PDB file of N, CA and C in Angstrom:
ATOM      1  N   UNK A   1      20.121  -6.757  -6.715  1.00  0.00           N
ATOM      2  CA  UNK A   1      19.261  -6.494  -5.789  1.00  0.00           C
ATOM      3  C   UNK A   1      17.791  -6.416  -6.235  1.00  0.00           C
ATOM      4  N   UNK A   2      16.877  -6.726  -5.451  1.00  0.00           N
ATOM      5  CA  UNK A   2      15.485  -6.476  -5.806  1.00  0.00           C
ATOM      6  C   UNK A   2      14.593  -6.333  -4.574  1.00  0.00           C
ATOM      7  N   UNK A   3      13.513  -5.753  -4.845  1.00  0.00           N
ATOM      8  CA  UNK A   3      12.490  -5.510  -3.771  1.00  0.00           C
ATOM      9  C   UNK A   3      11.259  -6.418  -4.160  1.00  0.00           C
ATOM     10  N   UNK A   4      10.816  -7.186  -3.117  1.00  0.00           N
ATOM     11  CA  UNK A   4       9.648  -8.104  -3.285  1.00  0.00           C
ATOM     12  C   UNK A   4       8.628  -7.634  -2.361  1.00  0.00           C
ATOM     13  N   UNK A   5       7.386  -7.635  -2.903  1.00  0.00           N
ATOM     14  CA  UNK A   5       6.357  -7.141  -2.084  1.00  0.00           C
ATOM     15  C   UNK A   5       5.145  -8.168  -2.044  1.00  0.00           C
ATOM     16  N   UNK A   6       4.465  -8.417  -0.975  1.00  0.00           N
ATOM     17  CA  UNK A   6       3.266  -9.163  -0.877  1.00  0.00           C
ATOM     18  C   UNK A   6       2.188  -8.405  -0.185  1.00  0.00           C
ATOM     19  N   UNK A   7       1.033  -8.287  -0.883  1.00  0.00           N
ATOM     20  CA  UNK A   7      -0.176  -7.429  -0.413  1.00  0.00           C
ATOM     21  C   UNK A   7      -1.158  -8.407  -0.111  1.00  0.00           C
ATOM     22  N   UNK A   8      -1.784  -8.330   1.097  1.00  0.00           N
ATOM     23  CA  UNK A   8      -2.893  -9.069   1.440  1.00  0.00           C
ATOM     24  C   UNK A   8      -3.947  -8.094   1.836  1.00  0.00           C
ATOM     25  N   UNK A   9      -5.337  -8.369   1.537  1.00  0.00           N
ATOM     26  CA  UNK A   9      -6.419  -7.634   2.026  1.00  0.00           C
ATOM     27  C   UNK A   9      -6.757  -8.261   3.357  1.00  0.00           C
ATOM     28  N   UNK A  10      -6.686  -7.421   4.467  1.00  0.00           N
ATOM     29  CA  UNK A  10      -6.905  -7.935   5.802  1.00  0.00           C
ATOM     30  C   UNK A  10      -8.276  -7.660   6.283  1.00  0.00           C
ATOM     31  N   UNK A  11      -8.969  -6.704   5.600  1.00  0.00           N
ATOM     32  CA  UNK A  11     -10.456  -6.461   5.991  1.00  0.00           C
ATOM     33  C   UNK A  11     -10.910  -5.608   4.774  1.00  0.00           C
ATOM     34  N   UNK A  12     -12.257  -5.660   4.566  1.00  0.00           N
ATOM     35  CA  UNK A  12     -12.857  -4.910   3.442  1.00  0.00           C
ATOM     36  C   UNK A  12     -14.405  -4.714   3.720  1.00  0.00           C
ATOM     37  N   UNK A  13     -14.787  -3.726   2.944  1.00  0.00           N
ATOM     38  CA  UNK A  13     -16.173  -3.356   2.886  1.00  0.00           C
ATOM     39  C   UNK A  13     -17.021  -4.577   2.397  1.00  0.00           C
ATOM     40  N   UNK A  14     -18.147  -4.786   3.019  1.00  0.00           N
ATOM     41  CA  UNK A  14     -19.046  -5.926   2.689  1.00  0.00           C
ATOM     42  C   UNK A  14     -19.523  -5.882   1.270  1.00  0.00           C
ATOM     43  N   UNK A  15     -19.428  -4.671   0.563  1.00  0.00           N
ATOM     44  CA  UNK A  15     -19.786  -4.512  -0.788  1.00  0.00           C
ATOM     45  C   UNK A  15     -18.633  -5.065  -1.845  1.00  0.00           C
ATOM     46  N   UNK A  16     -17.610  -5.506  -1.200  1.00  0.00           N
ATOM     47  CA  UNK A  16     -16.444  -6.032  -2.020  1.00  0.00           C
ATOM     48  C   UNK A  16     -16.399  -7.450  -1.772  1.00  0.00           C
ATOM     49  N   UNK A  17     -15.881  -8.189  -2.854  1.00  0.00           N
ATOM     50  CA  UNK A  17     -15.591  -9.549  -2.762  1.00  0.00           C
ATOM     51  C   UNK A  17     -14.104  -9.738  -2.250  1.00  0.00           C
ATOM     52  N   UNK A  18     -13.778 -11.001  -1.824  1.00  0.00           N
ATOM     53  CA  UNK A  18     -12.397 -11.186  -1.312  1.00  0.00           C
ATOM     54  C   UNK A  18     -11.462 -11.112  -2.494  1.00  0.00           C
ATOM     55  N   UNK A  19     -10.200 -10.747  -2.111  1.00  0.00           N
ATOM     56  CA  UNK A  19      -9.241 -10.723  -3.165  1.00  0.00           C
ATOM     57  C   UNK A  19      -8.033 -11.448  -2.863  1.00  0.00           C
ATOM     58  N   UNK A  20      -7.453 -12.110  -3.955  1.00  0.00           N
ATOM     59  CA  UNK A  20      -6.314 -12.951  -3.739  1.00  0.00           C
ATOM     60  C   UNK A  20      -5.087 -12.100  -3.264  1.00  0.00           C
ATOM     61  N   UNK A  21      -4.130 -12.625  -2.568  1.00  0.00           N
ATOM     62  CA  UNK A  21      -2.811 -11.901  -2.375  1.00  0.00           C
ATOM     63  C   UNK A  21      -2.050 -11.566  -3.729  1.00  0.00           C
ATOM     64  N   UNK A  22      -1.498 -10.371  -3.650  1.00  0.00           N
ATOM     65  CA  UNK A  22      -0.729  -9.808  -4.758  1.00  0.00           C
ATOM     66  C   UNK A  22       0.742  -9.931  -4.504  1.00  0.00           C
ATOM     67  N   UNK A  23       1.458 -10.431  -5.369  1.00  0.00           N
ATOM     68  CA  UNK A  23       2.969 -10.463  -5.190  1.00  0.00           C
ATOM     69  C   UNK A  23       3.675  -9.921  -6.449  1.00  0.00           C
ATOM     70  N   UNK A  24       4.800  -9.346  -6.090  1.00  0.00           N
ATOM     71  CA  UNK A  24       5.519  -8.606  -7.336  1.00  0.00           C
ATOM     72  C   UNK A  24       6.983  -8.466  -6.917  1.00  0.00           C
ATOM     73  N   UNK A  25       7.917  -8.511  -7.915  1.00  0.00           N
ATOM     74  CA  UNK A  25       9.271  -8.378  -7.479  1.00  0.00           C
ATOM     75  C   UNK A  25       9.697  -7.108  -8.465  1.00  0.00           C
ATOM     76  N   UNK A  26      10.476  -6.154  -7.867  1.00  0.00           N
ATOM     77  CA  UNK A  26      10.890  -5.031  -8.659  1.00  0.00           C
ATOM     78  C   UNK A  26      12.466  -5.035  -8.534  1.00  0.00           C
ATOM     79  N   UNK A  27      13.159  -4.974  -9.711  1.00  0.00           N
ATOM     80  CA  UNK A  27      14.486  -4.996  -9.778  1.00  0.00           C
ATOM     81  C   UNK A  27      15.192  -3.663  -9.536  1.00  0.00           C
ATOM     82  N   UNK A  28      16.321  -3.596  -9.123  1.00  0.00           N
ATOM     83  CA  UNK A  28      17.087  -2.444  -8.745  1.00  0.00           C
ATOM     84  C   UNK A  28      17.497  -1.847 -10.125  1.00  0.00           C
ATOM     85  N   UNK A  29      17.533  -0.562 -10.177  1.00  0.00           N
ATOM     86  CA  UNK A  29      18.032   0.145 -11.359  1.00  0.00           C
ATOM     87  C   UNK A  29      18.996   1.283 -10.776  1.00  0.00           C
ATOM     88  N   UNK A  30      20.209   1.270 -10.996  1.00  0.00           N
ATOM     89  CA  UNK A  30      21.268   2.229 -10.565  1.00  0.00           C
ATOM     90  C   UNK A  30      21.132   2.158  -8.968  1.00  0.00           C
ATOM     91  N   UNK A  31      21.150   1.085  -8.444  1.00  0.00           N
ATOM     92  CA  UNK A  31      21.150   0.847  -6.964  1.00  0.00           C
ATOM     93  C   UNK A  31      19.951   1.451  -6.382  1.00  0.00           C
ATOM     94  N   UNK A  32      18.702   1.615  -7.018  1.00  0.00           N
ATOM     95  CA  UNK A  32      17.625   2.166  -6.477  1.00  0.00           C
ATOM     96  C   UNK A  32      16.489   1.290  -6.928  1.00  0.00           C
ATOM     97  N   UNK A  33      15.614   0.962  -5.800  1.00  0.00           N
ATOM     98  CA  UNK A  33      14.345   0.294  -6.106  1.00  0.00           C
ATOM     99  C   UNK A  33      13.212   1.042  -5.282  1.00  0.00           C
ATOM    100  N   UNK A  34      12.090   1.292  -6.122  1.00  0.00           N
ATOM    101  CA  UNK A  34      11.051   2.069  -5.551  1.00  0.00           C
ATOM    102  C   UNK A  34       9.732   1.389  -5.853  1.00  0.00           C
ATOM    103  N   UNK A  35       8.838   1.405  -4.838  1.00  0.00           N
ATOM    104  CA  UNK A  35       7.489   0.956  -5.023  1.00  0.00           C
ATOM    105  C   UNK A  35       6.563   2.158  -4.957  1.00  0.00           C
ATOM    106  N   UNK A  36       6.983   3.312  -5.098  1.00  0.00           N
ATOM    107  CA  UNK A  36       6.066   4.489  -4.868  1.00  0.00           C
ATOM    108  C   UNK A  36       5.172   4.562  -6.205  1.00  0.00           C
ATOM    109  N   UNK A  37       3.832   4.783  -5.927  1.00  0.00           N
ATOM    110  CA  UNK A  37       2.887   4.932  -6.990  1.00  0.00           C
ATOM    111  C   UNK A  37       2.214   6.193  -6.750  1.00  0.00           C
ATOM    112  N   UNK A  38       1.860   6.881  -7.778  1.00  0.00           N
ATOM    113  CA  UNK A  38       1.239   8.181  -7.627  1.00  0.00           C
ATOM    114  C   UNK A  38      -0.306   8.104  -7.962  1.00  0.00           C
ATOM    115  N   UNK A  39      -1.130   8.531  -7.056  1.00  0.00           N
ATOM    116  CA  UNK A  39      -2.460   8.549  -7.337  1.00  0.00           C
ATOM    117  C   UNK A  39      -3.029  10.100  -7.152  1.00  0.00           C
ATOM    118  N   UNK A  40      -3.788  10.525  -8.044  1.00  0.00           N
ATOM    119  CA  UNK A  40      -4.137  11.897  -7.942  1.00  0.00           C
ATOM    120  C   UNK A  40      -5.560  12.156  -8.569  1.00  0.00           C
ATOM    121  N   UNK A  41      -5.920  13.358  -8.527  1.00  0.00           N
ATOM    122  CA  UNK A  41      -7.318  13.772  -8.984  1.00  0.00           C
ATOM    123  C   UNK A  41      -7.158  15.293  -9.265  1.00  0.00           C
ATOM    124  N   UNK A  42      -8.190  15.673  -9.996  1.00  0.00           N
ATOM    125  CA  UNK A  42      -8.338  17.058 -10.382  1.00  0.00           C
ATOM    126  C   UNK A  42      -9.357  17.631  -9.470  1.00  0.00           C
ATOM    127  N   UNK A  43      -8.948  18.468  -8.500  1.00  0.00           N
ATOM    128  CA  UNK A  43      -9.819  19.187  -7.535  1.00  0.00           C
ATOM    129  C   UNK A  43     -10.831  19.865  -8.060  1.00  0.00           C
ATOM    130  N   UNK A  44     -10.921  20.325  -9.500  1.00  0.00           N
ATOM    131  CA  UNK A  44     -11.958  21.111 -10.001  1.00  0.00           C
ATOM    132  C   UNK A  44     -12.909  20.040 -10.680  1.00  0.00           C
ATOM    133  N   UNK A  45     -12.744  18.767 -10.714  1.00  0.00           N
ATOM    134  CA  UNK A  45     -13.618  17.789 -11.371  1.00  0.00           C
ATOM    135  C   UNK A  45     -14.895  17.560 -10.463  1.00  0.00           C
ATOM    136  N   UNK A  46     -16.027  17.926 -11.124  1.00  0.00           N
ATOM    137  CA  UNK A  46     -17.281  17.944 -10.282  1.00  0.00           C
ATOM    138  C   UNK A  46     -17.754  16.562 -10.200  1.00  0.00           C
ATOM    139  N   UNK A  47     -17.232  15.643 -10.917  1.00  0.00           N
ATOM    140  CA  UNK A  47     -17.712  14.180 -10.942  1.00  0.00           C
ATOM    141  C   UNK A  47     -17.069  13.302  -9.905  1.00  0.00           C
ATOM    142  N   UNK A  48     -15.929  13.755  -9.389  1.00  0.00           N
ATOM    143  CA  UNK A  48     -15.297  12.996  -8.443  1.00  0.00           C
ATOM    144  C   UNK A  48     -15.953  12.834  -7.134  1.00  0.00           C
ATOM    145  N   UNK A  49     -15.764  11.779  -6.270  1.00  0.00           N
ATOM    146  CA  UNK A  49     -16.375  11.611  -4.996  1.00  0.00           C
ATOM    147  C   UNK A  49     -16.027  12.761  -4.097  1.00  0.00           C
ATOM    148  N   UNK A  50     -17.009  13.239  -3.446  1.00  0.00           N
ATOM    149  CA  UNK A  50     -16.877  14.424  -2.533  1.00  0.00           C
ATOM    150  C   UNK A  50     -16.877  13.982  -1.049  1.00  0.00           C
ATOM    151  N   UNK A  51     -16.891  15.006  -0.267  1.00  0.00           N
ATOM    152  CA  UNK A  51     -16.960  14.766   1.157  1.00  0.00           C
ATOM    153  C   UNK A  51     -18.316  15.087   1.799  1.00  0.00           C
ATOM    154  N   UNK A  52     -19.351  15.178   1.043  1.00  0.00           N
ATOM    155  CA  UNK A  52     -20.702  15.566   1.528  1.00  0.00           C
ATOM    156  C   UNK A  52     -21.243  14.386   2.281  1.00  0.00           C
ATOM    157  N   UNK A  53     -22.430  14.423   2.636  1.00  0.00           N
ATOM    158  CA  UNK A  53     -23.065  13.432   3.439  1.00  0.00           C
ATOM    159  C   UNK A  53     -23.595  12.284   2.745  1.00  0.00           C
ATOM    160  N   UNK A  54     -23.107  12.002   1.555  1.00  0.00           N
ATOM    161  CA  UNK A  54     -23.372  10.852   0.649  1.00  0.00           C
ATOM    162  C   UNK A  54     -23.116   9.470   1.333  1.00  0.00           C
ATOM    163  N   UNK A  55     -23.190   8.451   0.648  1.00  0.00           N
ATOM    164  CA  UNK A  55     -22.924   7.163   1.194  1.00  0.00           C
ATOM    165  C   UNK A  55     -21.360   6.958   1.395  1.00  0.00           C
ATOM    166  N   UNK A  56     -21.020   6.202   2.393  1.00  0.00           N
ATOM    167  CA  UNK A  56     -19.689   5.885   2.746  1.00  0.00           C
ATOM    168  C   UNK A  56     -18.955   5.168   1.543  1.00  0.00           C
ATOM    169  N   UNK A  57     -17.823   5.580   1.139  1.00  0.00           N
ATOM    170  CA  UNK A  57     -17.213   4.914  -0.094  1.00  0.00           C
ATOM    171  C   UNK A  57     -16.657   3.417   0.374  1.00  0.00           C
ATOM    172  N   UNK A  58     -16.693   2.662  -0.619  1.00  0.00           N
ATOM    173  CA  UNK A  58     -16.198   1.233  -0.601  1.00  0.00           C
ATOM    174  C   UNK A  58     -14.828   1.359  -0.053  1.00  0.00           C
ATOM    175  N   UNK A  59     -14.218   0.472   0.868  1.00  0.00           N
ATOM    176  CA  UNK A  59     -13.030   0.541   1.430  1.00  0.00           C
ATOM    177  C   UNK A  59     -12.313  -0.816   1.525  1.00  0.00           C
ATOM    178  N   UNK A  60     -11.057  -0.941   1.689  1.00  0.00           N
ATOM    179  CA  UNK A  60     -10.355  -2.023   2.055  1.00  0.00           C
ATOM    180  C   UNK A  60      -9.049  -1.595   2.802  1.00  0.00           C
ATOM    181  N   UNK A  61      -8.728  -2.512   3.705  1.00  0.00           N
ATOM    182  CA  UNK A  61      -7.456  -2.331   4.593  1.00  0.00           C
ATOM    183  C   UNK A  61      -6.516  -3.350   4.110  1.00  0.00           C
ATOM    184  N   UNK A  62      -5.239  -2.885   3.639  1.00  0.00           N
ATOM    185  CA  UNK A  62      -4.310  -3.790   3.125  1.00  0.00           C
ATOM    186  C   UNK A  62      -2.929  -3.893   4.030  1.00  0.00           C
ATOM    187  N   UNK A  63      -2.427  -4.972   3.952  1.00  0.00           N
ATOM    188  CA  UNK A  63      -1.044  -5.122   4.674  1.00  0.00           C
ATOM    189  C   UNK A  63      -0.085  -5.433   3.510  1.00  0.00           C
ATOM    190  N   UNK A  64       0.965  -4.641   3.456  1.00  0.00           N
ATOM    191  CA  UNK A  64       2.035  -4.871   2.462  1.00  0.00           C
ATOM    192  C   UNK A  64       3.374  -5.224   3.153  1.00  0.00           C
ATOM    193  N   UNK A  65       3.883  -6.432   2.821  1.00  0.00           N
ATOM    194  CA  UNK A  65       5.241  -6.826   3.382  1.00  0.00           C
ATOM    195  C   UNK A  65       6.274  -6.583   2.318  1.00  0.00           C
ATOM    196  N   UNK A  66       7.386  -5.958   2.719  1.00  0.00           N
ATOM    197  CA  UNK A  66       8.292  -5.712   1.775  1.00  0.00           C
ATOM    198  C   UNK A  66       9.729  -6.392   2.176  1.00  0.00           C
ATOM    199  N   UNK A  67      10.211  -7.151   1.102  1.00  0.00           N
ATOM    200  CA  UNK A  67      11.402  -8.011   1.391  1.00  0.00           C
ATOM    201  C   UNK A  67      12.571  -7.552   0.429  1.00  0.00           C
ATOM    202  N   UNK A  68      13.849  -7.662   0.967  1.00  0.00           N
ATOM    203  CA  UNK A  68      15.028  -7.571   0.033  1.00  0.00           C
ATOM    204  C   UNK A  68      15.458  -8.917  -0.416  1.00  0.00           C
ATOM    205  N   UNK A  69      15.706  -8.917  -1.692  1.00  0.00           N
ATOM    206  CA  UNK A  69      16.093 -10.152  -2.255  1.00  0.00           C
ATOM    207  C   UNK A  69      15.322 -11.304  -2.002  1.00  0.00           C
ATOM    208  N   UNK A  70      15.892 -12.424  -1.533  1.00  0.00           N
ATOM    209  CA  UNK A  70      15.172 -13.619  -1.113  1.00  0.00           C
ATOM    210  C   UNK A  70      15.147 -13.745   0.415  1.00  0.00           C
ATOM    211  N   UNK A  71      15.173 -12.663   1.104  1.00  0.00           N
ATOM    212  CA  UNK A  71      15.215 -12.755   2.466  1.00  0.00           C
ATOM    213  C   UNK A  71      13.746 -13.270   2.935  1.00  0.00           C
ATOM    214  N   UNK A  72      13.768 -14.158   3.964  1.00  0.00           N
ATOM    215  CA  UNK A  72      12.490 -14.802   4.361  1.00  0.00           C
ATOM    216  C   UNK A  72      11.570 -13.934   5.286  1.00  0.00           C
ATOM    217  N   UNK A  73      12.183 -12.891   5.990  1.00  0.00           N
ATOM    218  CA  UNK A  73      11.433 -11.995   6.822  1.00  0.00           C
ATOM    219  C   UNK A  73      11.454 -10.574   6.162  1.00  0.00           C
ATOM    220  N   UNK A  74      10.245  -9.921   6.306  1.00  0.00           N
ATOM    221  CA  UNK A  74       9.974  -8.622   5.757  1.00  0.00           C
ATOM    222  C   UNK A  74      10.955  -7.647   6.550  1.00  0.00           C
ATOM    223  N   UNK A  75      11.436  -6.584   5.753  1.00  0.00           N
ATOM    224  CA  UNK A  75      12.173  -5.565   6.490  1.00  0.00           C
ATOM    225  C   UNK A  75      11.259  -4.397   6.850  1.00  0.00           C
ATOM    226  N   UNK A  76       9.984  -4.398   6.276  1.00  0.00           N
ATOM    227  CA  UNK A  76       9.072  -3.333   6.608  1.00  0.00           C
ATOM    228  C   UNK A  76       7.630  -3.921   6.236  1.00  0.00           C
ATOM    229  N   UNK A  77       6.703  -3.560   7.188  1.00  0.00           N
ATOM    230  CA  UNK A  77       5.355  -4.001   7.041  1.00  0.00           C
ATOM    231  C   UNK A  77       4.488  -2.701   7.084  1.00  0.00           C
ATOM    232  N   UNK A  78       3.676  -2.449   5.968  1.00  0.00           N
ATOM    233  CA  UNK A  78       2.917  -1.130   5.930  1.00  0.00           C
ATOM    234  C   UNK A  78       1.481  -1.580   5.808  1.00  0.00           C
ATOM    235  N   UNK A  79       0.621  -0.818   6.516  1.00  0.00           N
ATOM    236  CA  UNK A  79      -0.829  -0.869   6.513  1.00  0.00           C
ATOM    237  C   UNK A  79      -1.381   0.336   5.879  1.00  0.00           C
ATOM    238  N   UNK A  80      -2.403   0.063   4.865  1.00  0.00           N
ATOM    239  CA  UNK A  80      -2.929   0.968   3.953  1.00  0.00           C
ATOM    240  C   UNK A  80      -4.370   0.941   4.066  1.00  0.00           C
ATOM    241  N   UNK A  81      -5.197   2.076   4.050  1.00  0.00           N
ATOM    242  CA  UNK A  81      -6.613   1.913   3.953  1.00  0.00           C
ATOM    243  C   UNK A  81      -6.949   2.732   2.616  1.00  0.00           C
ATOM    244  N   UNK A  82      -7.553   1.844   1.719  1.00  0.00           N
ATOM    245  CA  UNK A  82      -8.018   2.428   0.377  1.00  0.00           C
ATOM    246  C   UNK A  82      -9.392   2.736   0.351  1.00  0.00           C
ATOM    247  N   UNK A  83      -9.912   3.933  -0.156  1.00  0.00           N
ATOM    248  CA  UNK A  83     -11.222   4.120  -0.379  1.00  0.00           C
ATOM    249  C   UNK A  83     -11.315   4.604  -1.955  1.00  0.00           C
ATOM    250  N   UNK A  84     -12.392   4.947  -2.446  1.00  0.00           N
ATOM    251  CA  UNK A  84     -12.516   5.591  -3.823  1.00  0.00           C
ATOM    252  C   UNK A  84     -11.996   6.948  -3.939  1.00  0.00           C
ATOM    253  N   UNK A  85     -11.903   7.614  -2.787  1.00  0.00           N
ATOM    254  CA  UNK A  85     -11.455   8.978  -2.795  1.00  0.00           C
ATOM    255  C   UNK A  85     -10.148   9.321  -2.063  1.00  0.00           C
ATOM    256  N   UNK A  86      -9.553   8.241  -1.448  1.00  0.00           N
ATOM    257  CA  UNK A  86      -8.350   8.470  -0.734  1.00  0.00           C
ATOM    258  C   UNK A  86      -7.561   7.122  -0.415  1.00  0.00           C
ATOM    259  N   UNK A  87      -6.279   7.379  -0.261  1.00  0.00           N
ATOM    260  CA  UNK A  87      -5.413   6.299   0.207  1.00  0.00           C
ATOM    261  C   UNK A  87      -4.744   6.696   1.349  1.00  0.00           C
ATOM    262  N   UNK A  88      -4.955   6.066   2.455  1.00  0.00           N
ATOM    263  CA  UNK A  88      -4.220   6.594   3.732  1.00  0.00           C
ATOM    264  C   UNK A  88      -3.285   5.577   4.295  1.00  0.00           C
ATOM    265  N   UNK A  89      -2.109   6.026   4.795  1.00  0.00           N
ATOM    266  CA  UNK A  89      -1.200   5.290   5.565  1.00  0.00           C
ATOM    267  C   UNK A  89      -1.506   5.082   6.885  1.00  0.00           C
ATOM    268  N   UNK A  90      -1.752   3.848   7.368  1.00  0.00           N
ATOM    269  CA  UNK A  90      -2.266   3.498   8.684  1.00  0.00           C
ATOM    270  C   UNK A  90      -1.152   3.369   9.616  1.00  0.00           C
ATOM    271  N   UNK A  91      -0.265   2.470   9.245  1.00  0.00           N
ATOM    272  CA  UNK A  91       0.898   1.992  10.150  1.00  0.00           C
ATOM    273  C   UNK A  91       2.128   1.548   9.269  1.00  0.00           C
ATOM    274  N   UNK A  92       3.371   1.802   9.943  1.00  0.00           N
ATOM    275  CA  UNK A  92       4.488   1.297   9.388  1.00  0.00           C
ATOM    276  C   UNK A  92       5.267   0.645  10.513  1.00  0.00           C
ATOM    277  N   UNK A  93       5.617  -0.642  10.166  1.00  0.00           N
ATOM    278  CA  UNK A  93       6.304  -1.524  11.372  1.00  0.00           C
ATOM    279  C   UNK A  93       7.622  -1.995  10.727  1.00  0.00           C
ATOM    280  N   UNK A  94       8.698  -1.476  11.325  1.00  0.00           N
ATOM    281  CA  UNK A  94       9.990  -1.983  10.832  1.00  0.00           C
ATOM    282  C   UNK A  94      10.259  -3.456  11.246  1.00  0.00           C
ATOM    283  N   UNK A  95      10.902  -4.144  10.349  1.00  0.00           N
ATOM    284  CA  UNK A  95      11.395  -5.468  10.702  1.00  0.00           C
ATOM    285  C   UNK A  95      12.338  -5.611  11.763  1.00  0.00           C
ATOM    286  N   UNK A  96      12.709  -6.744  12.121  1.00  0.00           N
ATOM    287  CA  UNK A  96      13.561  -7.063  13.383  1.00  0.00           C
ATOM    288  C   UNK A  96      15.024  -6.410  13.297  1.00  0.00           C
ATOM    289  N   UNK A  97      15.667  -6.387  12.054  1.00  0.00           N
ATOM    290  CA  UNK A  97      16.892  -5.863  11.816  1.00  0.00           C
ATOM    291  C   UNK A  97      16.848  -4.452  11.025  1.00  0.00           C
ATOM    292  N   UNK A  98      15.765  -3.810  10.887  1.00  0.00           N
ATOM    293  CA  UNK A  98      15.554  -2.648  10.205  1.00  0.00           C
ATOM    294  C   UNK A  98      15.991  -1.424  11.136  1.00  0.00           C
ATOM    295  N   UNK A  99      16.852  -0.554  10.593  1.00  0.00           N
ATOM    296  CA  UNK A  99      17.313   0.582  11.361  1.00  0.00           C
ATOM    297  C   UNK A  99      17.185   1.842  10.354  1.00  0.00           C
ATOM    298  N   UNK A 100      16.957   2.951  11.161  1.00  0.00           N
ATOM    299  CA  UNK A 100      16.758   4.301  10.479  1.00  0.00           C
ATOM    300  C   UNK A 100      18.159   4.640  10.098  1.00  0.00           C
ATOM    301  N   UNK A 101      18.420   5.107   8.760  1.00  0.00           N
ATOM    302  CA  UNK A 101      19.685   5.588   8.417  1.00  0.00           C
ATOM    303  C   UNK A 101      19.449   7.086   8.034  1.00  0.00           C
ATOM    304  N   UNK A 102      20.525   7.830   8.428  1.00  0.00           N
ATOM    305  CA  UNK A 102      20.508   9.351   8.155  1.00  0.00           C
ATOM    306  C   UNK A 102      19.759  10.167   9.103  1.00  0.00           C
ATOM    307  N   UNK A 103      18.595  10.552   8.839  1.00  0.00           N
ATOM    308  CA  UNK A 103      17.659  11.397   9.576  1.00  0.00           C
ATOM    309  C   UNK A 103      17.619  11.157  11.016  1.00  0.00           C
TER     310      UNK A 103
END
């Protein structure tokens, strides 16, 4: 089993150039596949971008389609907004046959 992802930039700040689509396949290990990535910062770092009235940070809006194995249709579509100081989940859209399990 594997998880395949395709990430497209669907909108971006005028200060950024266009980006090519990104594709990657992750293999299952012990029946688990994860695409979770950690992004962090030191809140005491005085050089990090702040929330003052400075210029608006560069941003991009991304669409990430997730597929299981060689399925032609995504089981999940995720929209993200990335800036220099934050990554925000905008929307999660389940695929046609995607169902919540457990919770």
